[in-house]
Protein backbone atom coordinates (compact mmCIF):
# COMPACT_ATOMS: atom_id res chain seq x y z
CA UNK A 1 -97.14 11.64 -87.14
CA UNK A 2 -96.30 8.04 -86.31
CA UNK A 3 -98.91 5.96 -88.11
CA UNK A 4 -97.14 2.69 -87.34
CA UNK A 5 -97.29 3.20 -83.57
CA UNK A 6 -100.47 5.29 -83.31
CA UNK A 7 -104.10 5.11 -84.38
CA UNK A 8 -106.24 1.97 -84.37
CA UNK A 9 -104.93 -1.54 -84.92
CA UNK A 10 -106.76 -1.65 -88.26
CA UNK A 11 -104.98 1.49 -89.45
CA UNK A 12 -101.62 0.19 -88.24
CA UNK A 13 -102.15 -3.02 -90.20
CA UNK A 14 -103.23 -1.13 -93.33
CA UNK A 15 -100.18 1.14 -93.21
CA UNK A 16 -97.76 -1.71 -92.46
CA UNK A 17 -99.26 -3.83 -95.25
CA UNK A 18 -99.02 -0.97 -97.74
CA UNK A 19 -95.41 -0.24 -96.74
CA UNK A 20 -94.52 -3.91 -97.21
CA UNK A 21 -96.13 -4.08 -100.66
CA UNK A 22 -94.42 -0.86 -101.71
CA UNK A 23 -91.02 -1.93 -100.36
CA UNK A 24 -91.28 -5.20 -102.30
CA UNK A 25 -92.20 -3.18 -105.43
CA UNK A 26 -95.50 -5.04 -105.67
CA UNK A 27 -97.50 -1.81 -105.89
CA UNK A 28 -96.76 1.77 -106.89
CA UNK A 29 -96.35 4.59 -104.43
CA UNK A 30 -99.79 5.90 -105.32
CA UNK A 31 -101.45 2.49 -104.88
CA UNK A 32 -99.68 1.91 -101.56
CA UNK A 33 -100.93 5.28 -100.29
CA UNK A 34 -104.45 4.37 -101.37
CA UNK A 35 -104.24 0.96 -99.66
CA UNK A 36 -102.93 2.57 -96.48
CA UNK A 37 -105.86 4.97 -96.33
CA UNK A 38 -103.46 7.92 -96.25
CA UNK A 39 -102.95 10.77 -98.66
CA UNK A 40 -99.98 10.44 -100.98
CA UNK A 41 -98.17 13.20 -99.11
CA UNK A 42 -98.82 11.60 -95.71
CA UNK A 43 -97.76 8.18 -96.98
CA UNK A 44 -94.50 9.66 -98.27
CA UNK A 45 -93.92 11.19 -94.81
CA UNK A 46 -94.59 7.80 -93.20
CA UNK A 47 -92.04 6.15 -95.51
CA UNK A 48 -89.50 8.84 -94.60
CA UNK A 49 -90.15 8.24 -90.88
CA UNK A 50 -89.50 4.55 -91.45
CA UNK A 51 -86.25 5.28 -93.32
CA UNK A 52 -87.59 4.00 -96.63
CA UNK A 53 -86.95 5.92 -99.85
CA UNK A 54 -90.11 6.67 -101.80
CA UNK A 55 -88.34 7.34 -105.09
CA UNK A 56 -85.52 5.81 -107.05
CA UNK A 57 -82.98 7.61 -109.13
CA UNK A 58 -81.33 4.96 -111.24
CA UNK A 59 -78.32 5.09 -113.52
CA UNK A 60 -80.76 5.13 -116.45
CA UNK A 61 -82.34 8.30 -115.04
CA UNK A 62 -78.90 9.87 -114.73
CA UNK A 63 -78.10 9.08 -118.36
CA UNK A 64 -81.43 10.58 -119.47
CA UNK A 65 -80.70 13.74 -117.47
CA UNK A 66 -77.23 14.04 -118.93
CA UNK A 67 -78.67 13.97 -122.47
CA UNK A 68 -80.85 17.05 -121.77
């Protein structure tokens, strides 16, 4: 599934726009998927194909996990 290089030009633009907004942390993962016209799962796969992480595990998360 290569949504950046396949499908119609409109879909390519939607996906590229959503990826850009997500990468800039302007919108959430869920909102970016919605804007792209893809399911959340498919949008996560697209991000993976583009080499972009869809989740962050920060030092704060690590500290929270260590407290459990």
